[in-house]
């Protein structure tokens, strides 16, 4: 059984940085896509960034210069580095993994940006 767990959220002030972690456990194939999504209050869930097992990364165009995705294969963990946080970054951040035709979600981690 595949488990996806996010961590690293919390309260940050505008301009600060946070690092989110997504740890995957269970029986996974050698190649799969990992993505970070976020859902702000009253809004639909949106894609933030994705990364393949071969480290190919993609970003939503408006976040490219403030967010960085990376992975540590030894820890089965994908990170999302968020710099210069803004109040509009406030959302629940979810990790999703897609091995082949399947899709697994974590429970999410709350990020709140407020002074």
C-alpha atoms as a PDB file:
ATOM      1  CA  UNK A   1       0.000   0.000   0.000  1.00  0.00           C
ATOM      2  CA  UNK A   2       1.303   3.433  -0.943  1.00  0.00           C
ATOM      3  CA  UNK A   3       1.375   6.195   1.661  1.00  0.00           C
ATOM      4  CA  UNK A   4       2.010   9.854   0.968  1.00  0.00           C
ATOM      5  CA  UNK A   5       2.713  12.229   3.849  1.00  0.00           C
ATOM      6  CA  UNK A   6       3.385  15.955   3.676  1.00  0.00           C
ATOM      7  CA  UNK A   7       5.117  18.009   6.347  1.00  0.00           C
ATOM      8  CA  UNK A   8       6.754  21.379   6.850  1.00  0.00           C
ATOM      9  CA  UNK A   9       3.783  23.692   6.747  1.00  0.00           C
ATOM     10  CA  UNK A  10       3.075  26.348   9.312  1.00  0.00           C
ATOM     11  CA  UNK A  11       2.808  30.062   9.878  1.00  0.00           C
ATOM     12  CA  UNK A  12       5.217  32.361   8.069  1.00  0.00           C
ATOM     13  CA  UNK A  13       5.529  36.097   7.684  1.00  0.00           C
ATOM     14  CA  UNK A  14       5.587  37.740   4.255  1.00  0.00           C
ATOM     15  CA  UNK A  15       9.044  37.498   2.734  1.00  0.00           C
ATOM     16  CA  UNK A  16      10.039  34.400   4.698  1.00  0.00           C
ATOM     17  CA  UNK A  17      10.763  30.945   3.305  1.00  0.00           C
ATOM     18  CA  UNK A  18       9.418  27.477   3.998  1.00  0.00           C
ATOM     19  CA  UNK A  19      10.384  23.996   2.899  1.00  0.00           C
ATOM     20  CA  UNK A  20       7.665  21.411   2.455  1.00  0.00           C
ATOM     21  CA  UNK A  21       8.429  17.693   2.374  1.00  0.00           C
ATOM     22  CA  UNK A  22       6.551  14.837   0.732  1.00  0.00           C
ATOM     23  CA  UNK A  23       7.594  11.357   1.801  1.00  0.00           C
ATOM     24  CA  UNK A  24       6.358   8.320  -0.089  1.00  0.00           C
ATOM     25  CA  UNK A  25       6.376   4.776   1.240  1.00  0.00           C
ATOM     26  CA  UNK A  26       5.126   1.482  -0.094  1.00  0.00           C
ATOM     27  CA  UNK A  27       5.516  -0.463  -3.281  1.00  0.00           C
ATOM     28  CA  UNK A  28       6.329   2.034  -6.013  1.00  0.00           C
ATOM     29  CA  UNK A  29       7.710   1.546  -9.530  1.00  0.00           C
ATOM     30  CA  UNK A  30      11.063   2.976 -10.507  1.00  0.00           C
ATOM     31  CA  UNK A  31       9.532   5.813 -12.500  1.00  0.00           C
ATOM     32  CA  UNK A  32       6.637   7.975 -11.378  1.00  0.00           C
ATOM     33  CA  UNK A  33       5.594  11.603 -11.278  1.00  0.00           C
ATOM     34  CA  UNK A  34       5.381  13.599  -8.043  1.00  0.00           C
ATOM     35  CA  UNK A  35       3.464  16.820  -7.912  1.00  0.00           C
ATOM     36  CA  UNK A  36       2.718  19.582  -5.449  1.00  0.00           C
ATOM     37  CA  UNK A  37      -0.737  21.165  -5.548  1.00  0.00           C
ATOM     38  CA  UNK A  38      -2.344  23.803  -3.396  1.00  0.00           C
ATOM     39  CA  UNK A  39      -5.874  24.791  -2.512  1.00  0.00           C
ATOM     40  CA  UNK A  40      -6.624  28.216  -1.109  1.00  0.00           C
ATOM     41  CA  UNK A  41      -9.843  28.900   0.803  1.00  0.00           C
ATOM     42  CA  UNK A  42     -12.776  29.103  -1.581  1.00  0.00           C
ATOM     43  CA  UNK A  43     -10.670  28.175  -4.599  1.00  0.00           C
ATOM     44  CA  UNK A  44     -10.050  25.071  -6.642  1.00  0.00           C
ATOM     45  CA  UNK A  45      -6.978  22.939  -6.166  1.00  0.00           C
ATOM     46  CA  UNK A  46      -4.216  24.036  -8.523  1.00  0.00           C
ATOM     47  CA  UNK A  47      -0.967  22.508  -9.705  1.00  0.00           C
ATOM     48  CA  UNK A  48       2.194  24.108  -8.345  1.00  0.00           C
ATOM     49  CA  UNK A  49       5.029  21.954  -9.601  1.00  0.00           C
ATOM     50  CA  UNK A  50       5.960  18.440 -10.712  1.00  0.00           C
ATOM     51  CA  UNK A  51       9.141  16.403 -10.824  1.00  0.00           C
ATOM     52  CA  UNK A  52       9.979  13.030 -12.331  1.00  0.00           C
ATOM     53  CA  UNK A  53      12.262  10.395 -10.869  1.00  0.00           C
ATOM     54  CA  UNK A  54      14.819  11.634 -13.388  1.00  0.00           C
ATOM     55  CA  UNK A  55      14.657  15.120 -11.815  1.00  0.00           C
ATOM     56  CA  UNK A  56      12.806  16.794 -14.689  1.00  0.00           C
ATOM     57  CA  UNK A  57      10.890  19.647 -13.067  1.00  0.00           C
ATOM     58  CA  UNK A  58       8.011  21.799 -14.250  1.00  0.00           C
ATOM     59  CA  UNK A  59       6.320  24.764 -12.620  1.00  0.00           C
ATOM     60  CA  UNK A  60       3.189  26.820 -12.881  1.00  0.00           C
ATOM     61  CA  UNK A  61       4.501  29.854 -14.750  1.00  0.00           C
ATOM     62  CA  UNK A  62       3.592  32.434 -12.115  1.00  0.00           C
ATOM     63  CA  UNK A  63       5.537  30.601  -9.388  1.00  0.00           C
ATOM     64  CA  UNK A  64       8.712  29.699 -11.260  1.00  0.00           C
ATOM     65  CA  UNK A  65      10.867  32.394  -9.689  1.00  0.00           C
ATOM     66  CA  UNK A  66       9.823  31.769  -6.061  1.00  0.00           C
ATOM     67  CA  UNK A  67       9.314  28.007  -5.821  1.00  0.00           C
ATOM     68  CA  UNK A  68      11.841  25.228  -6.345  1.00  0.00           C
ATOM     69  CA  UNK A  69      11.108  21.519  -6.375  1.00  0.00           C
ATOM     70  CA  UNK A  70      13.711  18.878  -5.633  1.00  0.00           C
ATOM     71  CA  UNK A  71      13.977  15.266  -4.549  1.00  0.00           C
ATOM     72  CA  UNK A  72      16.159  13.069  -2.392  1.00  0.00           C
ATOM     73  CA  UNK A  73      15.928   9.512  -3.731  1.00  0.00           C
ATOM     74  CA  UNK A  74      17.648   8.058  -0.667  1.00  0.00           C
ATOM     75  CA  UNK A  75      14.836   9.395   1.531  1.00  0.00           C
ATOM     76  CA  UNK A  76      11.979   8.841  -0.951  1.00  0.00           C
ATOM     77  CA  UNK A  77      11.202  12.505  -0.390  1.00  0.00           C
ATOM     78  CA  UNK A  78      10.297  15.397  -2.664  1.00  0.00           C
ATOM     79  CA  UNK A  79      10.727  18.930  -1.384  1.00  0.00           C
ATOM     80  CA  UNK A  80       9.082  22.210  -2.287  1.00  0.00           C
ATOM     81  CA  UNK A  81      11.165  25.249  -1.397  1.00  0.00           C
ATOM     82  CA  UNK A  82       9.088  28.414  -1.211  1.00  0.00           C
ATOM     83  CA  UNK A  83      10.861  31.775  -1.046  1.00  0.00           C
ATOM     84  CA  UNK A  84       9.606  35.316  -0.540  1.00  0.00           C
ATOM     85  CA  UNK A  85       6.250  34.067   0.676  1.00  0.00           C
ATOM     86  CA  UNK A  86       3.191  36.224   0.091  1.00  0.00           C
ATOM     87  CA  UNK A  87      -0.221  36.197   1.773  1.00  0.00           C
ATOM     88  CA  UNK A  88      -1.682  34.767  -1.433  1.00  0.00           C
ATOM     89  CA  UNK A  89       0.450  31.662  -0.920  1.00  0.00           C
ATOM     90  CA  UNK A  90      -1.796  30.754   2.002  1.00  0.00           C
ATOM     91  CA  UNK A  91      -3.309  27.370   1.201  1.00  0.00           C
ATOM     92  CA  UNK A  92      -3.309  23.699   2.000  1.00  0.00           C
ATOM     93  CA  UNK A  93      -0.471  22.113   0.050  1.00  0.00           C
ATOM     94  CA  UNK A  94      -0.936  18.570  -1.196  1.00  0.00           C
ATOM     95  CA  UNK A  95       1.485  16.047  -2.597  1.00  0.00           C
ATOM     96  CA  UNK A  96       0.400  13.672  -5.332  1.00  0.00           C
ATOM     97  CA  UNK A  97       2.241  10.699  -6.803  1.00  0.00           C
ATOM     98  CA  UNK A  98       1.307   9.040 -10.073  1.00  0.00           C
ATOM     99  CA  UNK A  99       2.784   5.620 -10.742  1.00  0.00           C
ATOM    100  CA  UNK A 100       1.430   4.568 -14.130  1.00  0.00           C
ATOM    101  CA  UNK A 101      -2.367   4.987 -14.154  1.00  0.00           C
ATOM    102  CA  UNK A 102      -2.774   5.322 -10.387  1.00  0.00           C
ATOM    103  CA  UNK A 103      -2.850   8.442  -8.241  1.00  0.00           C
ATOM    104  CA  UNK A 104      -2.181   8.847  -4.522  1.00  0.00           C
ATOM    105  CA  UNK A 105      -2.717  11.957  -2.411  1.00  0.00           C
ATOM    106  CA  UNK A 106      -1.408  12.967   0.958  1.00  0.00           C
ATOM    107  CA  UNK A 107      -3.637  14.599   3.603  1.00  0.00           C
ATOM    108  CA  UNK A 108      -2.066  18.019   2.993  1.00  0.00           C
ATOM    109  CA  UNK A 109      -0.142  20.529   5.070  1.00  0.00           C
ATOM    110  CA  UNK A 110      -1.382  24.014   5.890  1.00  0.00           C
ATOM    111  CA  UNK A 111       0.712  27.043   4.965  1.00  0.00           C
ATOM    112  CA  UNK A 112      -0.397  30.385   6.326  1.00  0.00           C
ATOM    113  CA  UNK A 113       1.402  33.585   5.378  1.00  0.00           C
ATOM    114  CA  UNK A 114       0.463  36.499   7.566  1.00  0.00           C
ATOM    115  CA  UNK A 115       2.071  39.367   9.428  1.00  0.00           C
END
